[in-house]
Amino acid sequence: MGKRYYCEYCDRHFADSPGNRRKHINGIQHKRNRKMHYDSFKDPVQLLAEESQKLPCRRFFQTGSCDFGANCRFSHTNPQIFLEQHAKAQSSSSTSKSEPKLSVWLARWEKKRKYQHGNKGSEDGKETNIANEDDTQTFTLPANLPRLPQLPPSMLPPPLGGYPKLPKVEWG
């Protein structure tokens, strides 16, 4: 028995040869299955934009069904549903937090790092609080957690200047 090729999009096995594989990959069924797979990962806002560009499907709105289903060139979304989805997409995009800029994040990180190096931990065994300057996040280190010098060498962070360069060793 020769080698068999398995297409995950189509859930199909066939004899693996360049001609058979090319014929399958260029086939309509494979292209539809691949498109449906990648459409399932698209952002709802992007899907809504694509759907709004399509004309309405006459057959779907007259009979209530379309033989082409998800592969139809026309839109199966009525205007009322389209407006509801558009409102949801707008509200979700406005409520989602925007990513802070890298320079802002680096400045906060540097301040937090300086704060941590200035306060290595309380000496009386109480918990240590580490907070950003805008108090958006507060981290609490438990008292039973070993302090930095007590950690095993494999868990210690690298030194600030980096590790010293080792001499080159010839193998052989």
N, C-alpha and C. Protein backbone atom coordinates (compact mmCIF):
# COMPACT_ATOMS: atom_id res chain seq x y z
N MET A 1 0.85 -1.17 0.00
CA MET A 1 0.00 0.00 0.00
C MET A 1 0.90 1.24 0.00
N GLY A 2 0.63 2.19 -0.88
CA GLY A 2 1.45 3.39 -1.00
C GLY A 2 1.12 4.41 0.07
N LYS A 3 1.83 5.52 0.01
CA LYS A 3 1.61 6.58 0.98
C LYS A 3 0.26 7.23 0.74
N ARG A 4 -0.38 7.60 1.84
CA ARG A 4 -1.69 8.23 1.77
C ARG A 4 -1.57 9.65 2.34
N TYR A 5 -2.28 10.57 1.74
CA TYR A 5 -2.31 11.95 2.20
C TYR A 5 -3.65 12.19 2.89
N TYR A 6 -3.61 12.85 4.05
CA TYR A 6 -4.84 13.15 4.78
C TYR A 6 -5.04 14.66 4.79
N CYS A 7 -6.17 15.11 4.30
CA CYS A 7 -6.51 16.53 4.30
C CYS A 7 -7.39 16.79 5.52
N GLU A 8 -6.91 17.63 6.43
CA GLU A 8 -7.64 17.91 7.66
C GLU A 8 -8.86 18.79 7.41
N TYR A 9 -8.83 19.63 6.39
CA TYR A 9 -9.98 20.47 6.09
C TYR A 9 -11.16 19.62 5.60
N CYS A 10 -10.86 18.66 4.74
CA CYS A 10 -11.91 17.86 4.11
C CYS A 10 -12.16 16.54 4.82
N ASP A 11 -11.30 16.16 5.75
CA ASP A 11 -11.39 14.88 6.46
C ASP A 11 -11.40 13.74 5.43
N ARG A 12 -10.41 13.75 4.56
CA ARG A 12 -10.38 12.81 3.45
C ARG A 12 -8.95 12.30 3.24
N HIS A 13 -8.82 11.01 2.93
CA HIS A 13 -7.54 10.38 2.59
C HIS A 13 -7.52 10.13 1.08
N PHE A 14 -6.35 10.28 0.49
CA PHE A 14 -6.18 9.90 -0.91
C PHE A 14 -4.72 9.58 -1.16
N ALA A 15 -4.46 8.91 -2.28
CA ALA A 15 -3.09 8.52 -2.63
C ALA A 15 -2.24 9.77 -2.81
N ASP A 16 -1.07 9.77 -2.19
CA ASP A 16 -0.22 10.95 -2.21
C ASP A 16 0.68 10.94 -3.43
N SER A 17 0.33 11.78 -4.38
CA SER A 17 1.18 12.03 -5.54
C SER A 17 1.02 13.52 -5.86
N PRO A 18 2.00 14.11 -6.50
CA PRO A 18 1.89 15.55 -6.77
C PRO A 18 0.63 15.91 -7.56
N GLY A 19 0.27 15.08 -8.51
CA GLY A 19 -0.93 15.36 -9.31
C GLY A 19 -2.21 15.27 -8.48
N ASN A 20 -2.32 14.21 -7.68
CA ASN A 20 -3.52 14.05 -6.85
C ASN A 20 -3.64 15.17 -5.81
N ARG A 21 -2.51 15.51 -5.22
CA ARG A 21 -2.54 16.56 -4.20
C ARG A 21 -2.92 17.90 -4.82
N ARG A 22 -2.32 18.24 -5.96
CA ARG A 22 -2.63 19.50 -6.63
C ARG A 22 -4.10 19.54 -7.05
N LYS A 23 -4.59 18.41 -7.56
CA LYS A 23 -5.99 18.33 -7.99
C LYS A 23 -6.92 18.54 -6.79
N HIS A 24 -6.58 17.95 -5.66
CA HIS A 24 -7.42 18.10 -4.47
C HIS A 24 -7.37 19.53 -3.94
N ILE A 25 -6.17 20.09 -3.83
CA ILE A 25 -6.02 21.43 -3.26
C ILE A 25 -6.69 22.48 -4.13
N ASN A 26 -6.72 22.29 -5.43
CA ASN A 26 -7.38 23.23 -6.32
C ASN A 26 -8.87 22.96 -6.47
N GLY A 27 -9.38 21.93 -5.82
CA GLY A 27 -10.79 21.58 -5.92
C GLY A 27 -11.69 22.53 -5.15
N ILE A 28 -12.93 22.63 -5.61
CA ILE A 28 -13.89 23.55 -5.01
C ILE A 28 -14.20 23.16 -3.57
N GLN A 29 -14.42 21.87 -3.32
CA GLN A 29 -14.78 21.44 -1.97
C GLN A 29 -13.68 21.77 -0.96
N HIS A 30 -12.42 21.54 -1.34
CA HIS A 30 -11.30 21.85 -0.44
C HIS A 30 -11.22 23.36 -0.18
N LYS A 31 -11.38 24.16 -1.22
CA LYS A 31 -11.32 25.61 -1.05
C LYS A 31 -12.44 26.10 -0.13
N ARG A 32 -13.64 25.54 -0.28
CA ARG A 32 -14.75 25.94 0.59
C ARG A 32 -14.47 25.55 2.04
N ASN A 33 -13.99 24.33 2.24
CA ASN A 33 -13.70 23.87 3.61
C ASN A 33 -12.60 24.70 4.26
N ARG A 34 -11.57 25.03 3.49
CA ARG A 34 -10.48 25.85 4.02
C ARG A 34 -10.98 27.25 4.37
N LYS A 35 -11.82 27.84 3.51
CA LYS A 35 -12.37 29.17 3.78
C LYS A 35 -13.24 29.15 5.03
N MET A 36 -14.08 28.13 5.19
CA MET A 36 -14.92 28.03 6.38
C MET A 36 -14.06 27.90 7.64
N HIS A 37 -12.97 27.14 7.54
CA HIS A 37 -12.08 26.97 8.70
C HIS A 37 -11.47 28.30 9.11
N TYR A 38 -10.93 29.06 8.18
CA TYR A 38 -10.29 30.32 8.52
C TYR A 38 -11.31 31.40 8.88
N ASP A 39 -12.52 31.33 8.33
CA ASP A 39 -13.55 32.30 8.71
C ASP A 39 -13.97 32.12 10.16
N SER A 40 -13.84 30.92 10.68
CA SER A 40 -14.23 30.69 12.07
C SER A 40 -13.30 31.42 13.05
N PHE A 41 -12.12 31.84 12.61
CA PHE A 41 -11.17 32.54 13.48
C PHE A 41 -11.17 34.05 13.26
N LYS A 42 -11.99 34.54 12.34
CA LYS A 42 -12.00 35.97 12.04
C LYS A 42 -12.67 36.75 13.16
N ASP A 43 -12.27 37.99 13.27
CA ASP A 43 -12.84 38.91 14.24
C ASP A 43 -14.28 39.24 13.82
N PRO A 44 -15.23 39.32 14.76
CA PRO A 44 -16.61 39.63 14.40
C PRO A 44 -16.76 40.95 13.66
N VAL A 45 -15.93 41.93 13.99
CA VAL A 45 -16.00 43.22 13.30
C VAL A 45 -15.63 43.05 11.84
N GLN A 46 -14.60 42.25 11.57
CA GLN A 46 -14.16 42.01 10.20
C GLN A 46 -15.23 41.22 9.43
N LEU A 47 -15.83 40.22 10.06
CA LEU A 47 -16.90 39.46 9.40
C LEU A 47 -18.08 40.36 9.08
N LEU A 48 -18.42 41.26 10.00
CA LEU A 48 -19.52 42.18 9.78
C LEU A 48 -19.23 43.12 8.62
N ALA A 49 -18.00 43.59 8.52
CA ALA A 49 -17.62 44.47 7.41
C ALA A 49 -17.73 43.73 6.07
N GLU A 50 -17.29 42.48 6.03
CA GLU A 50 -17.38 41.70 4.80
C GLU A 50 -18.83 41.43 4.43
N GLU A 51 -19.65 41.13 5.44
CA GLU A 51 -21.06 40.82 5.19
C GLU A 51 -21.81 42.06 4.71
N SER A 52 -21.42 43.24 5.19
CA SER A 52 -22.10 44.47 4.78
C SER A 52 -21.81 44.83 3.33
N GLN A 53 -20.71 44.34 2.78
CA GLN A 53 -20.37 44.63 1.39
C GLN A 53 -21.18 43.80 0.40
N LYS A 54 -21.78 42.70 0.87
CA LYS A 54 -22.51 41.80 -0.01
C LYS A 54 -23.93 42.30 -0.24
N LEU A 55 -24.48 41.97 -1.40
CA LEU A 55 -25.89 42.24 -1.69
C LEU A 55 -26.74 41.20 -0.98
N PRO A 56 -28.01 41.51 -0.67
CA PRO A 56 -28.86 40.51 -0.01
C PRO A 56 -29.20 39.35 -0.95
N CYS A 57 -29.33 38.17 -0.38
CA CYS A 57 -29.64 36.96 -1.15
C CYS A 57 -31.16 36.91 -1.37
N ARG A 58 -31.60 37.01 -2.62
CA ARG A 58 -33.04 37.01 -2.93
C ARG A 58 -33.68 35.69 -2.54
N ARG A 59 -33.04 34.60 -2.88
CA ARG A 59 -33.62 33.28 -2.61
C ARG A 59 -33.81 33.08 -1.11
N PHE A 60 -32.83 33.50 -0.32
CA PHE A 60 -32.93 33.31 1.13
C PHE A 60 -34.08 34.12 1.72
N PHE A 61 -34.26 35.37 1.26
CA PHE A 61 -35.31 36.21 1.82
C PHE A 61 -36.69 35.88 1.27
N GLN A 62 -36.77 35.24 0.08
CA GLN A 62 -38.08 34.86 -0.47
C GLN A 62 -38.54 33.51 0.06
N THR A 63 -37.64 32.55 0.14
CA THR A 63 -38.03 31.19 0.53
C THR A 63 -37.62 30.83 1.95
N GLY A 64 -36.68 31.56 2.52
CA GLY A 64 -36.23 31.25 3.87
C GLY A 64 -35.07 30.27 3.90
N SER A 65 -34.63 29.80 2.74
CA SER A 65 -33.48 28.90 2.69
C SER A 65 -32.68 29.19 1.42
N CYS A 66 -31.43 28.80 1.47
CA CYS A 66 -30.55 28.98 0.32
C CYS A 66 -29.73 27.71 0.17
N ASP A 67 -29.65 27.19 -1.05
CA ASP A 67 -28.93 25.95 -1.30
C ASP A 67 -27.43 26.10 -1.04
N PHE A 68 -26.92 27.31 -1.14
CA PHE A 68 -25.48 27.52 -0.99
C PHE A 68 -25.04 27.66 0.46
N GLY A 69 -25.95 27.99 1.35
CA GLY A 69 -25.64 28.09 2.78
C GLY A 69 -24.56 29.12 3.07
N ALA A 70 -23.53 28.72 3.80
CA ALA A 70 -22.46 29.64 4.18
C ALA A 70 -21.58 30.02 3.00
N ASN A 71 -21.68 29.27 1.89
CA ASN A 71 -20.85 29.54 0.72
C ASN A 71 -21.52 30.48 -0.27
N CYS A 72 -22.67 31.02 0.08
CA CYS A 72 -23.40 31.91 -0.82
C CYS A 72 -22.63 33.21 -1.02
N ARG A 73 -22.66 33.71 -2.26
CA ARG A 73 -21.98 34.97 -2.56
C ARG A 73 -22.72 36.17 -2.00
N PHE A 74 -23.98 35.97 -1.66
CA PHE A 74 -24.82 37.06 -1.19
C PHE A 74 -25.02 36.96 0.32
N SER A 75 -25.53 38.03 0.91
CA SER A 75 -25.68 38.10 2.36
C SER A 75 -27.00 37.49 2.81
N HIS A 76 -26.96 36.73 3.89
CA HIS A 76 -28.16 36.16 4.49
C HIS A 76 -28.55 36.92 5.75
N THR A 77 -27.95 38.07 5.98
CA THR A 77 -28.22 38.87 7.16
C THR A 77 -29.22 39.96 6.80
N ASN A 78 -30.35 39.98 7.52
CA ASN A 78 -31.32 41.04 7.23
C ASN A 78 -30.87 42.34 7.87
N PRO A 79 -31.39 43.47 7.42
CA PRO A 79 -30.90 44.77 7.92
C PRO A 79 -31.03 44.94 9.43
N GLN A 80 -32.09 44.39 10.03
CA GLN A 80 -32.28 44.54 11.47
C GLN A 80 -31.16 43.82 12.24
N ILE A 81 -30.86 42.59 11.84
CA ILE A 81 -29.79 41.83 12.49
C ILE A 81 -28.45 42.52 12.24
N PHE A 82 -28.27 43.05 11.03
CA PHE A 82 -27.03 43.75 10.70
C PHE A 82 -26.82 44.94 11.62
N LEU A 83 -27.88 45.73 11.87
CA LEU A 83 -27.75 46.89 12.76
C LEU A 83 -27.45 46.47 14.19
N GLU A 84 -28.07 45.38 14.66
CA GLU A 84 -27.79 44.88 16.01
C GLU A 84 -26.34 44.44 16.14
N GLN A 85 -25.85 43.71 15.14
CA GLN A 85 -24.46 43.25 15.18
C GLN A 85 -23.50 44.42 15.11
N HIS A 86 -23.85 45.43 14.31
CA HIS A 86 -23.01 46.61 14.19
C HIS A 86 -22.92 47.35 15.53
N ALA A 87 -24.06 47.46 16.23
CA ALA A 87 -24.06 48.12 17.54
C ALA A 87 -23.23 47.33 18.54
N LYS A 88 -23.34 46.00 18.53
CA LYS A 88 -22.54 45.16 19.43
C LYS A 88 -21.05 45.33 19.15
N ALA A 89 -20.70 45.34 17.87
CA ALA A 89 -19.29 45.47 17.49
C ALA A 89 -18.75 46.82 17.94
N GLN A 90 -19.54 47.88 17.78
CA GLN A 90 -19.09 49.21 18.19
C GLN A 90 -18.92 49.29 19.70
N SER A 91 -19.87 48.70 20.45
CA SER A 91 -19.77 48.77 21.91
C SER A 91 -18.60 47.94 22.42
N SER A 92 -18.35 46.78 21.80
CA SER A 92 -17.23 45.95 22.25
C SER A 92 -15.89 46.60 21.92
N SER A 93 -15.82 47.30 20.79
CA SER A 93 -14.55 47.93 20.44
C SER A 93 -14.30 49.16 21.32
N SER A 94 -15.36 49.86 21.74
CA SER A 94 -15.15 51.04 22.57
C SER A 94 -14.87 50.67 24.02
N THR A 95 -15.41 49.53 24.48
CA THR A 95 -15.18 49.14 25.87
C THR A 95 -13.86 48.42 26.06
N SER A 96 -13.31 47.85 24.98
CA SER A 96 -12.04 47.13 25.13
C SER A 96 -10.93 48.13 25.41
N LYS A 97 -10.05 47.76 26.34
CA LYS A 97 -8.94 48.63 26.70
C LYS A 97 -7.94 48.69 25.56
N SER A 98 -7.45 49.90 25.30
CA SER A 98 -6.41 50.02 24.29
C SER A 98 -5.08 49.67 24.94
N GLU A 99 -4.20 49.10 24.15
CA GLU A 99 -2.89 48.69 24.65
C GLU A 99 -2.05 49.93 24.96
N PRO A 100 -1.39 49.98 26.10
CA PRO A 100 -0.53 51.12 26.39
C PRO A 100 0.69 51.09 25.47
N LYS A 101 1.24 52.26 25.25
CA LYS A 101 2.42 52.35 24.39
C LYS A 101 3.63 51.74 25.09
N LEU A 102 4.58 51.31 24.30
CA LEU A 102 5.76 50.65 24.83
C LEU A 102 6.55 51.56 25.76
N SER A 103 6.68 52.83 25.40
CA SER A 103 7.46 53.74 26.23
C SER A 103 6.81 53.92 27.61
N VAL A 104 5.48 53.97 27.66
CA VAL A 104 4.78 54.10 28.94
C VAL A 104 5.00 52.84 29.77
N TRP A 105 4.88 51.69 29.11
CA TRP A 105 5.07 50.42 29.83
C TRP A 105 6.49 50.30 30.36
N LEU A 106 7.48 50.69 29.55
CA LEU A 106 8.88 50.62 29.99
C LEU A 106 9.14 51.56 31.17
N ALA A 107 8.54 52.75 31.14
CA ALA A 107 8.74 53.68 32.25
C ALA A 107 8.15 53.11 33.54
N ARG A 108 6.97 52.52 33.47
CA ARG A 108 6.37 51.90 34.65
C ARG A 108 7.21 50.73 35.14
N TRP A 109 7.70 49.94 34.20
CA TRP A 109 8.51 48.78 34.57
C TRP A 109 9.78 49.22 35.29
N GLU A 110 10.42 50.28 34.77
CA GLU A 110 11.65 50.77 35.38
C GLU A 110 11.39 51.30 36.80
N LYS A 111 10.27 52.03 36.97
CA LYS A 111 9.94 52.53 38.31
C LYS A 111 9.68 51.38 39.27
N LYS A 112 8.95 50.39 38.80
CA LYS A 112 8.64 49.24 39.66
C LYS A 112 9.92 48.49 40.00
N ARG A 113 10.83 48.36 39.04
CA ARG A 113 12.09 47.66 39.27
C ARG A 113 12.94 48.41 40.30
N LYS A 114 13.01 49.73 40.17
CA LYS A 114 13.75 50.52 41.15
C LYS A 114 13.13 50.39 42.53
N TYR A 115 11.80 50.37 42.57
CA TYR A 115 11.10 50.23 43.85
C TYR A 115 11.41 48.87 44.47
N GLN A 116 11.43 47.83 43.66
CA GLN A 116 11.72 46.49 44.16
C GLN A 116 13.14 46.38 44.67
N HIS A 117 14.10 46.97 43.96
CA HIS A 117 15.50 46.90 44.39
C HIS A 117 15.74 47.76 45.62
N GLY A 118 14.95 48.83 45.78
CA GLY A 118 15.08 49.67 46.97
C GLY A 118 14.52 49.00 48.20
N ASN A 119 13.44 48.23 48.03
CA ASN A 119 12.80 47.52 49.15
C ASN A 119 12.89 46.03 48.86
N LYS A 120 13.93 45.40 49.31
CA LYS A 120 14.14 43.96 49.04
C LYS A 120 13.14 43.10 49.79
N GLY A 121 12.34 43.68 50.61
CA GLY A 121 11.38 42.92 51.41
C GLY A 121 11.48 43.40 52.84
N SER A 122 10.42 43.27 53.54
CA SER A 122 10.44 43.73 54.92
C SER A 122 11.21 42.74 55.78
N GLU A 123 11.90 43.24 56.76
CA GLU A 123 12.75 42.40 57.60
C GLU A 123 11.97 41.70 58.71
N ASP A 124 10.79 42.23 59.03
CA ASP A 124 10.05 41.64 60.14
C ASP A 124 9.13 40.50 59.71
N GLY A 125 9.15 40.09 58.45
CA GLY A 125 8.38 38.94 58.00
C GLY A 125 6.99 39.29 57.52
N LYS A 126 6.65 40.58 57.46
CA LYS A 126 5.33 40.97 56.98
C LYS A 126 5.30 40.89 55.46
N GLU A 127 4.08 40.98 54.91
CA GLU A 127 3.94 40.92 53.46
C GLU A 127 4.45 42.21 52.84
N THR A 128 4.96 42.10 51.61
CA THR A 128 5.47 43.25 50.89
C THR A 128 4.50 43.56 49.75
N ASN A 129 4.10 44.83 49.61
CA ASN A 129 3.23 45.24 48.51
C ASN A 129 4.06 45.94 47.46
N ILE A 130 3.84 45.57 46.22
CA ILE A 130 4.51 46.20 45.09
C ILE A 130 3.40 46.74 44.20
N ALA A 131 3.38 48.07 43.97
CA ALA A 131 2.28 48.66 43.20
C ALA A 131 2.82 49.61 42.16
N ASN A 132 2.05 49.79 41.09
CA ASN A 132 2.36 50.80 40.08
C ASN A 132 2.04 52.17 40.65
N GLU A 133 2.51 53.23 39.97
CA GLU A 133 2.25 54.56 40.48
C GLU A 133 0.78 54.94 40.35
N ASP A 134 0.05 54.33 39.43
CA ASP A 134 -1.37 54.66 39.31
C ASP A 134 -2.25 53.63 40.02
N ASP A 135 -1.66 52.72 40.77
CA ASP A 135 -2.36 51.72 41.58
C ASP A 135 -3.37 50.91 40.79
N THR A 136 -3.08 50.60 39.52
CA THR A 136 -3.99 49.76 38.76
C THR A 136 -3.82 48.30 39.11
N GLN A 137 -2.59 47.91 39.47
CA GLN A 137 -2.34 46.53 39.85
C GLN A 137 -1.52 46.53 41.13
N THR A 138 -1.88 45.66 42.05
CA THR A 138 -1.13 45.52 43.29
C THR A 138 -0.77 44.06 43.45
N PHE A 139 0.50 43.79 43.64
CA PHE A 139 0.97 42.43 43.82
C PHE A 139 1.38 42.26 45.28
N THR A 140 0.95 41.19 45.88
CA THR A 140 1.28 40.92 47.27
C THR A 140 2.13 39.66 47.34
N LEU A 141 3.31 39.80 47.92
CA LEU A 141 4.19 38.65 48.10
C LEU A 141 3.96 38.07 49.48
N PRO A 142 3.63 36.79 49.59
CA PRO A 142 3.40 36.19 50.90
C PRO A 142 4.68 36.17 51.74
N ALA A 143 4.51 36.18 53.06
CA ALA A 143 5.66 36.20 53.97
C ALA A 143 6.45 34.90 53.91
N ASN A 144 5.77 33.78 53.60
CA ASN A 144 6.47 32.49 53.58
C ASN A 144 7.25 32.27 52.29
N LEU A 145 7.12 33.15 51.31
CA LEU A 145 7.89 33.03 50.07
C LEU A 145 9.33 33.43 50.35
N PRO A 146 10.30 32.61 49.93
CA PRO A 146 11.70 32.97 50.22
C PRO A 146 12.10 34.24 49.47
N ARG A 147 12.94 35.03 50.13
CA ARG A 147 13.41 36.26 49.51
C ARG A 147 14.40 35.92 48.39
N LEU A 148 14.74 36.91 47.61
CA LEU A 148 15.56 36.71 46.42
C LEU A 148 16.89 36.02 46.71
N PRO A 149 17.67 36.40 47.73
CA PRO A 149 18.94 35.71 47.96
C PRO A 149 18.78 34.25 48.39
N GLN A 150 17.61 33.86 48.88
CA GLN A 150 17.41 32.50 49.35
C GLN A 150 16.94 31.56 48.25
N LEU A 151 16.70 32.07 47.06
CA LEU A 151 16.25 31.22 45.96
C LEU A 151 17.39 30.35 45.46
N PRO A 152 17.09 29.19 44.89
CA PRO A 152 18.15 28.37 44.31
C PRO A 152 18.78 29.09 43.12
N PRO A 153 20.03 28.78 42.79
CA PRO A 153 20.73 29.50 41.71
C PRO A 153 20.00 29.43 40.37
N SER A 154 19.31 28.34 40.10
CA SER A 154 18.64 28.23 38.80
C SER A 154 17.46 29.18 38.68
N MET A 155 16.93 29.66 39.80
CA MET A 155 15.77 30.55 39.76
C MET A 155 16.14 32.02 39.94
N LEU A 156 17.40 32.32 40.21
CA LEU A 156 17.82 33.70 40.36
C LEU A 156 17.82 34.40 39.01
N PRO A 157 17.42 35.67 38.96
CA PRO A 157 17.47 36.39 37.69
C PRO A 157 18.92 36.64 37.29
N PRO A 158 19.19 36.84 36.00
CA PRO A 158 20.57 37.09 35.57
C PRO A 158 21.08 38.41 36.14
N PRO A 159 22.38 38.55 36.33
CA PRO A 159 22.93 39.81 36.86
C PRO A 159 22.70 40.95 35.86
N LEU A 160 22.73 42.19 36.38
CA LEU A 160 22.44 43.35 35.54
C LEU A 160 23.41 43.49 34.38
N GLY A 161 24.68 43.28 34.61
CA GLY A 161 25.67 43.42 33.55
C GLY A 161 25.75 42.22 32.63
N GLY A 162 25.02 41.19 32.92
CA GLY A 162 25.09 39.96 32.14
C GLY A 162 26.13 39.03 32.72
N TYR A 163 26.19 37.84 32.21
CA TYR A 163 27.15 36.86 32.69
C TYR A 163 28.51 37.12 32.05
N PRO A 164 29.61 36.80 32.76
CA PRO A 164 30.94 37.00 32.16
C PRO A 164 31.13 36.04 30.98
N LYS A 165 31.89 36.51 30.01
CA LYS A 165 32.15 35.67 28.83
C LYS A 165 33.14 34.58 29.21
N LEU A 166 32.81 33.38 28.82
CA LEU A 166 33.67 32.25 29.11
C LEU A 166 34.66 32.06 27.96
N PRO A 167 35.84 31.52 28.27
CA PRO A 167 36.80 31.29 27.18
C PRO A 167 36.28 30.20 26.25
N LYS A 168 36.64 30.33 24.97
CA LYS A 168 36.21 29.33 23.99
C LYS A 168 36.95 28.02 24.24
N VAL A 169 36.22 26.95 24.15
CA VAL A 169 36.78 25.63 24.38
C VAL A 169 36.68 24.84 23.08
N GLU A 170 37.76 24.22 22.69
CA GLU A 170 37.76 23.39 21.48
C GLU A 170 37.35 21.98 21.84
N TRP A 171 36.42 21.46 21.10
CA TRP A 171 35.95 20.10 21.31
C TRP A 171 36.62 19.21 20.28
N GLY A 172 36.95 18.02 20.69
CA GLY A 172 37.47 17.13 19.67
C GLY A 172 38.47 16.20 20.09
